[in-house]
Every structure is written in structure tokens, then in C-alpha cells.
Amino acid sequence: MSGLYGDYCYEDYEEWDTIPVDIPQYESPHNSYPLLRSHLRQKVSQMMRRCARAHIPYVYCGSTALRLLGVETPEDLSGPGNAWDNAPPRATKQPKDALHVVVRTAGERKPLPGIRMHVWKGLAADSIQQFANGVQCLRPAAAWASVAMDATMLQLIQIAESMERYGLATLADLRAFTGAHRFHGKRRCLRALAIARTDSASVKETELRVRLDLRGLPAFAINYVVAGSAYDSRAEHTVDLAIAQYRVGLEYQGNQHRSDVRQYRRDRDKLGALAALGWSFFEVTQADLNSEEALDRLAMRVACVIAQQTGKEPQIACLTYARIARAA
């Protein structure tokens, strides 16, 4: 998915308002709940129909392109857990659900109802893809860069990992694009890529990991396989996030972990097996992500488990994205 996309000049930034979508044409390497996948596919179809009906001769960019591409984006996660991380909305006369398009020169910009126009000077042909119905949008790396000034740092990381997860673009593709081209928000993209990791299984897992990194905890292994621990089927137990040195594991538990009886029993089985091996296991829910205070409490609990083994005073930090990017 990498390529030469030209120099990007992103003007008149709009508040980021994406809706999460899935990728119908790709199979995720990770398990995904059928109801969630169905919901995301529906969002893809809705946006595609809307753009097709618009009949405008422009290339879709920004949040509109992300929806068309099927990128799992953070709007559906914007319950309280993401809301307090967002910058204050900018005043705009455009509706929040405006379609975002890109043109080659400022002279091509003209007022159209429900359309937000941006300028990409020197827009190259290989930065564009066209669907069978004639709808055009930016390719994945360029679409990710096009929201660099509107997304929060966490959202940039989540989108990058989502593109990797669903086969749209690897982190290496995104690095190649970012390194080769000039665009507003390039520094933010480089910082996000320094933090982004491969193999994350969900956007919530990404959020949990990054939030705890910002509190100075040791680096977490992703989807860690616990040696000597398995289900009755002999499938090995894995942990969403782990600090193996201290036998600390964390997992994000969505609603399906409580509503699905089979999943609930599997979770109990794994929890008991890990406890027998001396692991401290934390089940994390949305409530733990809803505020800085709740995350501080979770981070301190993990720090206390580590302190019991090191003999040091438990403590957490308040780091910046720049700091954890440098340490990555």
C-alpha cells in the first residue's frame, strides 16, 4: 500500500468526526466478534452509498476516506474514554458530518453544501484509488496523514495500528510515506509511529497500553503467550498485555465478555490458571478508561504488584507522548 503520493498541504482543518468501519474485503488476523464486524461493514456501506449519491468529481480525504477504506477509527470509542482526550472543537460553519474532499489548487475550491474542501498541492495519481462505482478517495497512508492535525495523538496511533491489523497498510508503509513527503502534522505522525506497535488486537487494547505507558509503567508485551497454561482444548492462554518479568497481565473486557456465557467461562478458566502460576491479572473495562483518575488508580495497582517484587516504593509518572516516543 506504500507509494509516492506527492506533497500534502492540508488547510482549513476540520474537527475530526470519524465513524468506525471494518474492511469487508480483508480478513483480520485476530478474532473479531460477528456483531461488531457486521456493524462496521454496515457503516462502510452507508458511507459508500452517500458518496456515490453525491456525484461530485473530487477525491475524498480525511475522515470520509477513512470510512470508505474501512479503517477501524475511534469515533465509536468516543464514549467518555476518548472524549476527555480530545482538543476543544473548533468553531465551524460546516456540519460535523460534512464530506471531506481534496483538490489540487486553491482555485478549485468552491462552496458546496455539506462538502469540506482541502488542498493538496501537486496531488499525484498514485495517491488516489477509484472504486468500481466511480467513487475516488486517498490511499491508506495519505488518508492517515490527512487527519494528522485533527486527530488526537492517541487516535493517530489507533488508526495506524488498525490499518496494520486489517491489512490496509503496514506501519512500515506509513513510515515510508511520512518520511518521504511534506504535510502539516508530519511531526505528529512520526511521533505516533514511534509509539505504534504491530499485533494489537483492538483499538481498546491500544488505548489501554498507551494510557499506561504514559504513566511510566514498564513496557507491555502484546498478546503474550503464557508458558505452561492452556485451555482444555490445549490452546495456549494468551494475555492482551503482559509484563512477563513480574507476571502481570491485563485484558480489556468488552460487554461480550459478560453477555456471552461461553466467553465468560473461558475467561474464568484462564484467570484461575494464571493465578495458579503466580500471575496477577487485571480485567479492565470502559470504566477504567473513563477518566485520568480511574487510569491512575489502575496504574497504581499494577505498580504495587511490581513493587512487592522489587522492594521499591510503588509510583507512577505523568509522561508526554514525546517522552514515550523517544523511549520506544
C-alpha atoms as a PDB file:
ATOM      1  CA  MET A   1       0.000   0.000   0.000  1.00  0.00           C
ATOM      2  CA  SER A   2       3.005   2.310   0.021  1.00  0.00           C
ATOM      3  CA  GLY A   3       3.874   4.688  -2.815  1.00  0.00           C
ATOM      4  CA  LEU A   4       4.749   8.221  -3.787  1.00  0.00           C
ATOM      5  CA  TYR A   5       1.786  10.392  -3.015  1.00  0.00           C
ATOM      6  CA  GLY A   6       3.146  13.884  -3.535  1.00  0.00           C
ATOM      7  CA  ASP A   7       3.412  16.850  -1.177  1.00  0.00           C
ATOM      8  CA  TYR A   8       0.367  17.312   1.004  1.00  0.00           C
ATOM      9  CA  CYS A   9      -0.861  20.735   2.086  1.00  0.00           C
ATOM     10  CA  TYR A  10      -3.767  20.364   4.467  1.00  0.00           C
ATOM     11  CA  GLU A  11      -5.671  23.583   5.000  1.00  0.00           C
ATOM     12  CA  ASP A  12      -8.757  24.709   6.912  1.00  0.00           C
ATOM     13  CA  TYR A  13      -8.642  21.880   9.424  1.00  0.00           C
ATOM     14  CA  GLU A  14     -11.965  20.474  10.492  1.00  0.00           C
ATOM     15  CA  GLU A  15     -12.919  18.797  13.760  1.00  0.00           C
ATOM     16  CA  TRP A  16     -12.298  15.069  13.425  1.00  0.00           C
ATOM     17  CA  ASP A  17     -15.544  13.159  13.481  1.00  0.00           C
ATOM     18  CA  THR A  18     -14.984   9.693  12.053  1.00  0.00           C
ATOM     19  CA  ILE A  19     -17.163   6.653  12.490  1.00  0.00           C
ATOM     20  CA  PRO A  20     -15.519   3.241  12.858  1.00  0.00           C
ATOM     21  CA  VAL A  21     -15.767   0.918   9.912  1.00  0.00           C
ATOM     22  CA  ASP A  22     -14.492  -2.532   9.135  1.00  0.00           C
ATOM     23  CA  ILE A  23     -12.848  -3.867   5.982  1.00  0.00           C
ATOM     24  CA  PRO A  24     -15.189  -6.164   4.072  1.00  0.00           C
ATOM     25  CA  GLN A  25     -12.535  -7.358   1.608  1.00  0.00           C
ATOM     26  CA  TYR A  26      -9.924  -8.272   4.239  1.00  0.00           C
ATOM     27  CA  GLU A  27      -9.907 -10.930   6.920  1.00  0.00           C
ATOM     28  CA  SER A  28      -8.430  -9.821  10.215  1.00  0.00           C
ATOM     29  CA  PRO A  29      -5.645 -11.999  11.601  1.00  0.00           C
ATOM     30  CA  HIS A  30      -7.284 -11.574  15.012  1.00  0.00           C
ATOM     31  CA  ASN A  31     -10.642 -12.792  16.246  1.00  0.00           C
ATOM     32  CA  SER A  32     -13.439 -10.279  15.852  1.00  0.00           C
ATOM     33  CA  TYR A  33     -16.945 -10.521  17.238  1.00  0.00           C
ATOM     34  CA  PRO A  34     -19.548 -11.101  14.487  1.00  0.00           C
ATOM     35  CA  LEU A  35     -21.947  -8.393  15.683  1.00  0.00           C
ATOM     36  CA  LEU A  36     -19.151  -5.823  15.730  1.00  0.00           C
ATOM     37  CA  ARG A  37     -17.941  -6.804  12.268  1.00  0.00           C
ATOM     38  CA  SER A  38     -21.490  -6.636  10.920  1.00  0.00           C
ATOM     39  CA  HIS A  39     -21.949  -3.176  12.423  1.00  0.00           C
ATOM     40  CA  LEU A  40     -18.698  -1.928  10.920  1.00  0.00           C
ATOM     41  CA  ARG A  41     -19.481  -3.319   7.476  1.00  0.00           C
ATOM     42  CA  GLN A  42     -22.807  -1.536   7.613  1.00  0.00           C
ATOM     43  CA  LYS A  43     -21.005   1.749   8.264  1.00  0.00           C
ATOM     44  CA  VAL A  44     -18.786   1.157   5.220  1.00  0.00           C
ATOM     45  CA  SER A  45     -21.847   0.605   3.042  1.00  0.00           C
ATOM     46  CA  GLN A  46     -23.594   3.682   4.388  1.00  0.00           C
ATOM     47  CA  MET A  47     -20.666   5.951   3.594  1.00  0.00           C
ATOM     48  CA  MET A  48     -20.133   4.408   0.157  1.00  0.00           C
ATOM     49  CA  ARG A  49     -23.788   4.935  -0.755  1.00  0.00           C
ATOM     50  CA  ARG A  50     -23.663   8.517   0.492  1.00  0.00           C
ATOM     51  CA  CYS A  51     -20.549   9.354  -1.543  1.00  0.00           C
ATOM     52  CA  ALA A  52     -21.917   7.641  -4.641  1.00  0.00           C
ATOM     53  CA  ARG A  53     -25.140   9.653  -4.406  1.00  0.00           C
ATOM     54  CA  ALA A  54     -23.184  12.902  -4.036  1.00  0.00           C
ATOM     55  CA  HIS A  55     -21.891  12.604  -7.639  1.00  0.00           C
ATOM     56  CA  ILE A  56     -19.017  15.035  -7.113  1.00  0.00           C
ATOM     57  CA  PRO A  57     -15.803  14.852  -9.199  1.00  0.00           C
ATOM     58  CA  TYR A  58     -13.458  15.100  -6.218  1.00  0.00           C
ATOM     59  CA  VAL A  59     -11.219  12.783  -4.241  1.00  0.00           C
ATOM     60  CA  TYR A  60     -12.417  12.007  -0.746  1.00  0.00           C
ATOM     61  CA  CYS A  61      -9.910  12.585   2.056  1.00  0.00           C
ATOM     62  CA  GLY A  62      -9.720  12.832   5.844  1.00  0.00           C
ATOM     63  CA  SER A  63     -12.387  11.142   7.905  1.00  0.00           C
ATOM     64  CA  THR A  64     -14.503  10.427   4.813  1.00  0.00           C
ATOM     65  CA  ALA A  65     -11.655   8.491   3.170  1.00  0.00           C
ATOM     66  CA  LEU A  66     -11.032   6.524   6.360  1.00  0.00           C
ATOM     67  CA  ARG A  67     -14.645   5.443   6.417  1.00  0.00           C
ATOM     68  CA  LEU A  68     -14.591   4.466   2.752  1.00  0.00           C
ATOM     69  CA  LEU A  69     -11.391   2.482   3.192  1.00  0.00           C
ATOM     70  CA  GLY A  70     -12.833   0.534   6.077  1.00  0.00           C
ATOM     71  CA  VAL A  71     -10.454   1.780   8.727  1.00  0.00           C
ATOM     72  CA  GLU A  72     -11.415   0.985  12.313  1.00  0.00           C
ATOM     73  CA  THR A  73     -11.442   4.507  13.695  1.00  0.00           C
ATOM     74  CA  PRO A  74     -12.062   5.889  17.163  1.00  0.00           C
ATOM     75  CA  GLU A  75     -15.439   7.628  16.932  1.00  0.00           C
ATOM     76  CA  ASP A  76     -17.398   4.651  18.228  1.00  0.00           C
ATOM     77  CA  LEU A  77     -14.907   4.597  21.051  1.00  0.00           C
ATOM     78  CA  SER A  78     -15.667   8.191  21.841  1.00  0.00           C
ATOM     79  CA  GLY A  79     -17.633   7.341  24.891  1.00  0.00           C
ATOM     80  CA  PRO A  80     -16.166   9.093  27.851  1.00  0.00           C
ATOM     81  CA  GLY A  81     -12.879   7.242  27.449  1.00  0.00           C
ATOM     82  CA  ASN A  82     -11.859   9.267  24.434  1.00  0.00           C
ATOM     83  CA  ALA A  83     -13.878  12.423  24.920  1.00  0.00           C
ATOM     84  CA  TRP A  84     -11.614  13.863  27.598  1.00  0.00           C
ATOM     85  CA  ASP A  85      -8.547  13.318  25.411  1.00  0.00           C
ATOM     86  CA  ASN A  86      -9.843  15.408  22.523  1.00  0.00           C
ATOM     87  CA  ALA A  87      -8.921  19.030  21.893  1.00  0.00           C
ATOM     88  CA  PRO A  88     -11.776  21.553  22.179  1.00  0.00           C
ATOM     89  CA  PRO A  89     -13.787  21.626  18.937  1.00  0.00           C
ATOM     90  CA  ARG A  90     -13.045  24.497  16.579  1.00  0.00           C
ATOM     91  CA  ALA A  91     -15.884  26.734  15.554  1.00  0.00           C
ATOM     92  CA  THR A  92     -17.032  25.964  12.017  1.00  0.00           C
ATOM     93  CA  LYS A  93     -19.992  26.675   9.792  1.00  0.00           C
ATOM     94  CA  GLN A  94     -19.732  23.234   8.247  1.00  0.00           C
ATOM     95  CA  PRO A  95     -21.855  20.400   9.672  1.00  0.00           C
ATOM     96  CA  LYS A  96     -19.979  17.762  11.620  1.00  0.00           C
ATOM     97  CA  ASP A  97     -20.957  15.115   9.074  1.00  0.00           C
ATOM     98  CA  ALA A  98     -19.575  17.086   6.108  1.00  0.00           C
ATOM     99  CA  LEU A  99     -17.878  15.057   3.392  1.00  0.00           C
ATOM    100  CA  HIS A 100     -14.157  15.846   3.119  1.00  0.00           C
ATOM    101  CA  VAL A 101     -12.589  16.176  -0.323  1.00  0.00           C
ATOM    102  CA  VAL A 102      -9.184  17.238  -1.614  1.00  0.00           C
ATOM    103  CA  VAL A 103      -8.364  19.389  -4.663  1.00  0.00           C
ATOM    104  CA  ARG A 104      -5.057  20.202  -6.349  1.00  0.00           C
ATOM    105  CA  THR A 105      -5.163  24.008  -6.140  1.00  0.00           C
ATOM    106  CA  ALA A 106      -6.845  26.642  -4.022  1.00  0.00           C
ATOM    107  CA  GLY A 107      -8.537  27.926  -7.174  1.00  0.00           C
ATOM    108  CA  GLU A 108     -10.526  24.709  -7.415  1.00  0.00           C
ATOM    109  CA  ARG A 109     -12.132  25.263  -4.066  1.00  0.00           C
ATOM    110  CA  LYS A 110     -15.743  26.404  -4.139  1.00  0.00           C
ATOM    111  CA  PRO A 111     -18.570  26.370  -1.630  1.00  0.00           C
ATOM    112  CA  LEU A 112     -20.732  23.270  -1.834  1.00  0.00           C
ATOM    113  CA  PRO A 113     -23.348  22.327   0.779  1.00  0.00           C
ATOM    114  CA  GLY A 114     -22.157  19.569   3.057  1.00  0.00           C
ATOM    115  CA  ILE A 115     -18.672  19.471   1.489  1.00  0.00           C
ATOM    116  CA  ARG A 116     -15.409  20.484   3.174  1.00  0.00           C
ATOM    117  CA  MET A 117     -12.614  21.146   0.676  1.00  0.00           C
ATOM    118  CA  HIS A 118      -8.891  20.835   1.389  1.00  0.00           C
ATOM    119  CA  VAL A 119      -5.894  21.473  -0.857  1.00  0.00           C
ATOM    120  CA  TRP A 120      -3.124  19.019  -1.756  1.00  0.00           C
ATOM    121  CA  LYS A 121      -0.611  20.824  -3.958  1.00  0.00           C
ATOM    122  CA  GLY A 122       0.812  18.519  -6.584  1.00  0.00           C
ATOM    123  CA  LEU A 123      -1.697  15.715  -5.968  1.00  0.00           C
ATOM    124  CA  ALA A 124      -0.225  12.637  -7.689  1.00  0.00           C
ATOM    125  CA  ALA A 125      -2.257   9.996  -9.479  1.00  0.00           C
ATOM    126  CA  ASP A 126      -0.844   7.194  -7.345  1.00  0.00           C
ATOM    127  CA  SER A 127      -2.219   8.830  -4.214  1.00  0.00           C
ATOM    128  CA  ILE A 128      -5.747   8.070  -5.416  1.00  0.00           C
ATOM    129  CA  GLN A 129      -7.799   4.939  -5.754  1.00  0.00           C
ATOM    130  CA  GLN A 130     -11.119   4.533  -7.503  1.00  0.00           C
ATOM    131  CA  PHE A 131     -13.835   2.062  -6.578  1.00  0.00           C
ATOM    132  CA  ALA A 132     -15.960   0.239  -9.122  1.00  0.00           C
ATOM    133  CA  ASN A 133     -18.809   2.713  -8.671  1.00  0.00           C
ATOM    134  CA  GLY A 134     -16.554   5.653  -9.586  1.00  0.00           C
ATOM    135  CA  VAL A 135     -16.022   6.972  -6.043  1.00  0.00           C
ATOM    136  CA  GLN A 136     -12.430   8.157  -5.525  1.00  0.00           C
ATOM    137  CA  CYS A 137     -10.521   8.515  -2.269  1.00  0.00           C
ATOM    138  CA  LEU A 138      -6.979   8.772  -0.958  1.00  0.00           C
ATOM    139  CA  ARG A 139      -4.974   5.623  -0.471  1.00  0.00           C
ATOM    140  CA  PRO A 140      -4.478   4.479   3.147  1.00  0.00           C
ATOM    141  CA  ALA A 141      -1.162   6.183   4.015  1.00  0.00           C
ATOM    142  CA  ALA A 142      -2.283   9.509   2.563  1.00  0.00           C
ATOM    143  CA  ALA A 143      -5.686   9.221   4.254  1.00  0.00           C
ATOM    144  CA  TRP A 144      -3.979   8.655   7.608  1.00  0.00           C
ATOM    145  CA  ALA A 145      -1.747  11.699   7.073  1.00  0.00           C
ATOM    146  CA  SER A 146      -4.756  13.795   6.105  1.00  0.00           C
ATOM    147  CA  VAL A 147      -6.187  13.612   9.645  1.00  0.00           C
ATOM    148  CA  ALA A 148      -2.851  14.356  11.331  1.00  0.00           C
ATOM    149  CA  MET A 149      -3.913  17.795  12.550  1.00  0.00           C
ATOM    150  CA  ASP A 150      -7.445  16.823  13.572  1.00  0.00           C
ATOM    151  CA  ALA A 151      -6.983  13.514  15.382  1.00  0.00           C
ATOM    152  CA  THR A 152      -5.591  13.303  18.884  1.00  0.00           C
ATOM    153  CA  MET A 153      -2.221  11.604  19.266  1.00  0.00           C
ATOM    154  CA  LEU A 154      -3.951   8.519  20.659  1.00  0.00           C
ATOM    155  CA  GLN A 155      -6.306   8.405  17.687  1.00  0.00           C
ATOM    156  CA  LEU A 156      -3.402   8.634  15.229  1.00  0.00           C
ATOM    157  CA  ILE A 157      -1.820   5.650  16.958  1.00  0.00           C
ATOM    158  CA  GLN A 158      -5.107   3.727  16.977  1.00  0.00           C
ATOM    159  CA  ILE A 159      -5.730   4.333  13.282  1.00  0.00           C
ATOM    160  CA  ALA A 160      -2.179   3.333  12.341  1.00  0.00           C
ATOM    161  CA  GLU A 161      -2.454   0.074  14.294  1.00  0.00           C
ATOM    162  CA  SER A 162      -5.900  -0.565  12.821  1.00  0.00           C
ATOM    163  CA  MET A 163      -4.542  -0.189   9.279  1.00  0.00           C
ATOM    164  CA  GLU A 164      -1.831  -2.713  10.121  1.00  0.00           C
ATOM    165  CA  ARG A 165      -4.311  -5.060  11.785  1.00  0.00           C
ATOM    166  CA  TYR A 166      -6.689  -5.196   8.811  1.00  0.00           C
ATOM    167  CA  GLY A 167      -4.085  -5.283   6.056  1.00  0.00           C
ATOM    168  CA  LEU A 168      -4.612  -1.810   4.595  1.00  0.00           C
ATOM    169  CA  ALA A 169      -1.103  -0.513   5.294  1.00  0.00           C
ATOM    170  CA  THR A 170       1.766  -1.677   7.445  1.00  0.00           C
ATOM    171  CA  LEU A 171       3.463   0.593   9.923  1.00  0.00           C
ATOM    172  CA  ALA A 172       6.459   0.428   7.582  1.00  0.00           C
ATOM    173  CA  ASP A 173       4.254   1.761   4.760  1.00  0.00           C
ATOM    174  CA  LEU A 174       3.138   4.652   6.949  1.00  0.00           C
ATOM    175  CA  ARG A 175       6.725   5.418   7.944  1.00  0.00           C
ATOM    176  CA  ALA A 176       7.817   5.407   4.304  1.00  0.00           C
ATOM    177  CA  PHE A 177       5.055   7.817   3.344  1.00  0.00           C
ATOM    178  CA  THR A 178       5.676  10.110   6.298  1.00  0.00           C
ATOM    179  CA  GLY A 179       9.419  10.196   5.720  1.00  0.00           C
ATOM    180  CA  ALA A 180       9.099  10.917   2.012  1.00  0.00           C
ATOM    181  CA  HIS A 181       6.524  13.728   1.968  1.00  0.00           C
ATOM    182  CA  ARG A 182       5.786  17.093   3.456  1.00  0.00           C
ATOM    183  CA  PHE A 183       2.433  17.758   5.054  1.00  0.00           C
ATOM    184  CA  HIS A 184       1.003  19.542   8.048  1.00  0.00           C
ATOM    185  CA  GLY A 185       1.211  17.247  11.046  1.00  0.00           C
ATOM    186  CA  LYS A 186       4.238  15.289   9.813  1.00  0.00           C
ATOM    187  CA  ARG A 187       5.961  15.585  13.195  1.00  0.00           C
ATOM    188  CA  ARG A 188       2.856  14.289  14.938  1.00  0.00           C
ATOM    189  CA  CYS A 189       2.717  11.316  12.562  1.00  0.00           C
ATOM    190  CA  LEU A 190       6.357  10.454  13.195  1.00  0.00           C
ATOM    191  CA  ARG A 191       5.714  10.574  16.927  1.00  0.00           C
ATOM    192  CA  ALA A 192       2.630   8.368  16.620  1.00  0.00           C
ATOM    193  CA  LEU A 193       4.572   5.832  14.552  1.00  0.00           C
ATOM    194  CA  ALA A 194       7.310   5.680  17.182  1.00  0.00           C
ATOM    195  CA  ILE A 195       4.669   4.589  19.697  1.00  0.00           C
ATOM    196  CA  ALA A 196       2.541   2.361  17.436  1.00  0.00           C
ATOM    197  CA  ARG A 197       3.046  -1.414  17.650  1.00  0.00           C
ATOM    198  CA  THR A 198       2.146  -4.371  15.492  1.00  0.00           C
ATOM    199  CA  ASP A 199      -0.157  -7.204  16.577  1.00  0.00           C
ATOM    200  CA  SER A 200      -2.582  -5.178  18.691  1.00  0.00           C
ATOM    201  CA  ALA A 201      -5.961  -6.903  18.615  1.00  0.00           C
ATOM    202  CA  SER A 202      -8.293  -3.938  19.124  1.00  0.00           C
ATOM    203  CA  VAL A 203      -8.454  -0.181  19.434  1.00  0.00           C
ATOM    204  CA  LYS A 204      -9.318  -0.503  23.107  1.00  0.00           C
ATOM    205  CA  GLU A 205      -6.246  -2.612  23.703  1.00  0.00           C
ATOM    206  CA  THR A 206      -4.195   0.116  22.031  1.00  0.00           C
ATOM    207  CA  GLU A 207      -5.777   2.773  24.214  1.00  0.00           C
ATOM    208  CA  LEU A 208      -5.116   0.797  27.396  1.00  0.00           C
ATOM    209  CA  ARG A 209      -1.478   0.162  26.506  1.00  0.00           C
ATOM    210  CA  VAL A 210      -0.730   3.763  25.559  1.00  0.00           C
ATOM    211  CA  ARG A 211      -2.518   5.212  28.589  1.00  0.00           C
ATOM    212  CA  LEU A 212      -0.441   3.043  30.898  1.00  0.00           C
ATOM    213  CA  ASP A 213       2.777   3.836  29.001  1.00  0.00           C
ATOM    214  CA  LEU A 214       2.054   7.495  29.718  1.00  0.00           C
ATOM    215  CA  ARG A 215       2.052   6.608  33.421  1.00  0.00           C
ATOM    216  CA  GLY A 216       5.571   5.246  33.315  1.00  0.00           C
ATOM    217  CA  LEU A 217       4.871   1.532  33.708  1.00  0.00           C
ATOM    218  CA  PRO A 218       7.303  -0.999  32.181  1.00  0.00           C
ATOM    219  CA  ALA A 219       6.753  -1.842  28.515  1.00  0.00           C
ATOM    220  CA  PHE A 220       3.941  -4.309  27.870  1.00  0.00           C
ATOM    221  CA  ALA A 221       4.178  -7.347  25.612  1.00  0.00           C
ATOM    222  CA  ILE A 222       1.166  -7.643  23.285  1.00  0.00           C
ATOM    223  CA  ASN A 223      -0.847 -10.889  23.094  1.00  0.00           C
ATOM    224  CA  TYR A 224       1.632 -12.637  25.343  1.00  0.00           C
ATOM    225  CA  VAL A 225       1.524 -16.450  25.365  1.00  0.00           C
ATOM    226  CA  VAL A 226       1.782 -17.776  28.933  1.00  0.00           C
ATOM    227  CA  ALA A 227       4.032 -20.834  29.015  1.00  0.00           C
ATOM    228  CA  GLY A 228       2.512 -23.881  30.721  1.00  0.00           C
ATOM    229  CA  SER A 229      -1.042 -22.524  30.740  1.00  0.00           C
ATOM    230  CA  ALA A 230      -3.752 -23.733  28.352  1.00  0.00           C
ATOM    231  CA  TYR A 231      -7.469 -24.396  27.908  1.00  0.00           C
ATOM    232  CA  ASP A 232      -8.875 -27.936  27.895  1.00  0.00           C
ATOM    233  CA  SER A 233      -8.597 -27.765  24.104  1.00  0.00           C
ATOM    234  CA  ARG A 234      -4.824 -27.338  24.613  1.00  0.00           C
ATOM    235  CA  ALA A 235      -4.930 -23.878  23.063  1.00  0.00           C
ATOM    236  CA  GLU A 236      -2.418 -21.787  24.972  1.00  0.00           C
ATOM    237  CA  HIS A 237      -3.586 -18.969  27.189  1.00  0.00           C
ATOM    238  CA  THR A 238      -2.710 -15.515  25.914  1.00  0.00           C
ATOM    239  CA  VAL A 239      -2.908 -12.178  27.680  1.00  0.00           C
ATOM    240  CA  ASP A 240      -3.762  -8.919  25.879  1.00  0.00           C
ATOM    241  CA  LEU A 241      -0.989  -7.033  27.671  1.00  0.00           C
ATOM    242  CA  ALA A 242       1.675  -8.512  29.917  1.00  0.00           C
ATOM    243  CA  ILE A 243       4.744  -7.551  31.904  1.00  0.00           C
ATOM    244  CA  ALA A 244       6.120 -11.086  31.965  1.00  0.00           C
ATOM    245  CA  GLN A 245       9.059 -10.260  34.231  1.00  0.00           C
ATOM    246  CA  TYR A 246       6.628  -9.502  37.062  1.00  0.00           C
ATOM    247  CA  ARG A 247       3.853 -11.873  35.967  1.00  0.00           C
ATOM    248  CA  VAL A 248       1.343  -9.097  35.487  1.00  0.00           C
ATOM    249  CA  GLY A 249      -1.408  -9.448  32.875  1.00  0.00           C
ATOM    250  CA  LEU A 250      -4.173  -7.104  31.702  1.00  0.00           C
ATOM    251  CA  GLU A 251      -7.114  -7.668  29.405  1.00  0.00           C
ATOM    252  CA  TYR A 252      -9.777  -5.300  28.139  1.00  0.00           C
ATOM    253  CA  GLN A 253     -13.203  -6.834  28.734  1.00  0.00           C
ATOM    254  CA  GLY A 254     -15.948  -5.553  26.466  1.00  0.00           C
ATOM    255  CA  ASN A 255     -19.639  -6.234  27.050  1.00  0.00           C
ATOM    256  CA  GLN A 256     -19.431  -9.554  25.201  1.00  0.00           C
ATOM    257  CA  HIS A 257     -17.177 -10.929  27.952  1.00  0.00           C
ATOM    258  CA  ARG A 258     -20.112 -10.631  30.345  1.00  0.00           C
ATOM    259  CA  SER A 259     -23.033 -11.354  27.995  1.00  0.00           C
ATOM    260  CA  ASP A 260     -21.529 -14.387  26.241  1.00  0.00           C
ATOM    261  CA  VAL A 261     -21.718 -17.303  28.691  1.00  0.00           C
ATOM    262  CA  ARG A 262     -19.107 -19.345  26.833  1.00  0.00           C
ATOM    263  CA  GLN A 263     -16.698 -16.421  26.739  1.00  0.00           C
ATOM    264  CA  TYR A 264     -17.304 -15.701  30.409  1.00  0.00           C
ATOM    265  CA  ARG A 265     -16.460 -19.294  31.358  1.00  0.00           C
ATOM    266  CA  ARG A 266     -13.298 -19.230  29.239  1.00  0.00           C
ATOM    267  CA  ASP A 267     -12.240 -16.020  30.976  1.00  0.00           C
ATOM    268  CA  ARG A 268     -12.813 -17.595  34.422  1.00  0.00           C
ATOM    269  CA  ASP A 269     -10.824 -20.660  33.406  1.00  0.00           C
ATOM    270  CA  LYS A 270      -7.916 -18.570  32.208  1.00  0.00           C
ATOM    271  CA  LEU A 271      -7.992 -16.335  35.273  1.00  0.00           C
ATOM    272  CA  GLY A 272      -7.794 -19.334  37.598  1.00  0.00           C
ATOM    273  CA  ALA A 273      -4.986 -20.941  35.609  1.00  0.00           C
ATOM    274  CA  LEU A 274      -2.907 -17.779  35.617  1.00  0.00           C
ATOM    275  CA  ALA A 275      -3.453 -17.226  39.333  1.00  0.00           C
ATOM    276  CA  ALA A 276      -2.205 -20.775  39.986  1.00  0.00           C
ATOM    277  CA  LEU A 277       1.007 -19.874  38.154  1.00  0.00           C
ATOM    278  CA  GLY A 278       1.502 -16.787  40.307  1.00  0.00           C
ATOM    279  CA  TRP A 279       0.191 -14.198  37.859  1.00  0.00           C
ATOM    280  CA  SER A 280      -1.625 -11.053  38.942  1.00  0.00           C
ATOM    281  CA  PHE A 281      -4.399 -10.497  36.421  1.00  0.00           C
ATOM    282  CA  PHE A 282      -6.366  -7.273  35.874  1.00  0.00           C
ATOM    283  CA  GLU A 283      -9.635  -7.239  33.946  1.00  0.00           C
ATOM    284  CA  VAL A 284     -10.115  -3.749  32.516  1.00  0.00           C
ATOM    285  CA  THR A 285     -13.442  -2.262  31.399  1.00  0.00           C
ATOM    286  CA  GLN A 286     -14.521   1.024  29.884  1.00  0.00           C
ATOM    287  CA  ALA A 287     -14.993   2.400  33.389  1.00  0.00           C
ATOM    288  CA  ASP A 288     -11.218   2.158  33.886  1.00  0.00           C
ATOM    289  CA  LEU A 289     -10.660   4.312  30.793  1.00  0.00           C
ATOM    290  CA  ASN A 290     -13.272   6.945  31.526  1.00  0.00           C
ATOM    291  CA  SER A 291     -11.046   9.419  33.356  1.00  0.00           C
ATOM    292  CA  GLU A 292      -7.488  10.255  34.276  1.00  0.00           C
ATOM    293  CA  GLU A 293      -8.254   9.404  37.892  1.00  0.00           C
ATOM    294  CA  ALA A 294      -9.541   5.916  37.049  1.00  0.00           C
ATOM    295  CA  LEU A 295      -6.455   5.224  34.938  1.00  0.00           C
ATOM    296  CA  ASP A 296      -4.194   6.479  37.712  1.00  0.00           C
ATOM    297  CA  ARG A 297      -5.823   4.005  40.101  1.00  0.00           C
ATOM    298  CA  LEU A 298      -5.337   1.141  37.652  1.00  0.00           C
ATOM    299  CA  ALA A 299      -1.705   2.101  37.008  1.00  0.00           C
ATOM    300  CA  MET A 300      -1.011   2.306  40.749  1.00  0.00           C
ATOM    301  CA  ARG A 301      -2.453  -1.174  41.310  1.00  0.00           C
ATOM    302  CA  VAL A 302      -0.089  -2.547  38.677  1.00  0.00           C
ATOM    303  CA  ALA A 303       2.789  -0.553  40.207  1.00  0.00           C
ATOM    304  CA  CYS A 304       2.010  -2.037  43.631  1.00  0.00           C
ATOM    305  CA  VAL A 305       2.271  -5.593  42.278  1.00  0.00           C
ATOM    306  CA  ILE A 306       5.643  -4.751  40.786  1.00  0.00           C
ATOM    307  CA  ALA A 307       6.786  -3.036  43.989  1.00  0.00           C
ATOM    308  CA  GLN A 308       6.011  -6.159  46.011  1.00  0.00           C
ATOM    309  CA  GLN A 309       8.599  -8.000  43.915  1.00  0.00           C
ATOM    310  CA  THR A 310      11.237  -5.284  43.659  1.00  0.00           C
ATOM    311  CA  GLY A 311      11.005  -3.935  47.205  1.00  0.00           C
ATOM    312  CA  LYS A 312      10.814  -0.402  45.836  1.00  0.00           C
ATOM    313  CA  GLU A 313       8.182   2.217  46.572  1.00  0.00           C
ATOM    314  CA  PRO A 314       5.300   1.986  44.071  1.00  0.00           C
ATOM    315  CA  GLN A 315       4.968   5.049  41.899  1.00  0.00           C
ATOM    316  CA  ILE A 316       3.521   6.204  38.621  1.00  0.00           C
ATOM    317  CA  ALA A 317       4.584   9.064  36.385  1.00  0.00           C
ATOM    318  CA  CYS A 318       2.898  11.605  34.123  1.00  0.00           C
ATOM    319  CA  LEU A 319       4.791  11.349  30.839  1.00  0.00           C
ATOM    320  CA  THR A 320       4.181  13.017  27.496  1.00  0.00           C
ATOM    321  CA  TYR A 321       3.720  11.367  24.113  1.00  0.00           C
ATOM    322  CA  ALA A 322       7.063  12.874  23.091  1.00  0.00           C
ATOM    323  CA  ARG A 323       8.747  11.189  26.050  1.00  0.00           C
ATOM    324  CA  ILE A 324       7.378   7.714  25.395  1.00  0.00           C
ATOM    325  CA  ALA A 325       8.080   8.111  21.659  1.00  0.00           C
ATOM    326  CA  ARG A 326      11.744   8.802  22.420  1.00  0.00           C
ATOM    327  CA  ALA A 327      11.905   5.772  24.703  1.00  0.00           C
ATOM    328  CA  ALA A 328      10.273   3.451  22.176  1.00  0.00           C
END
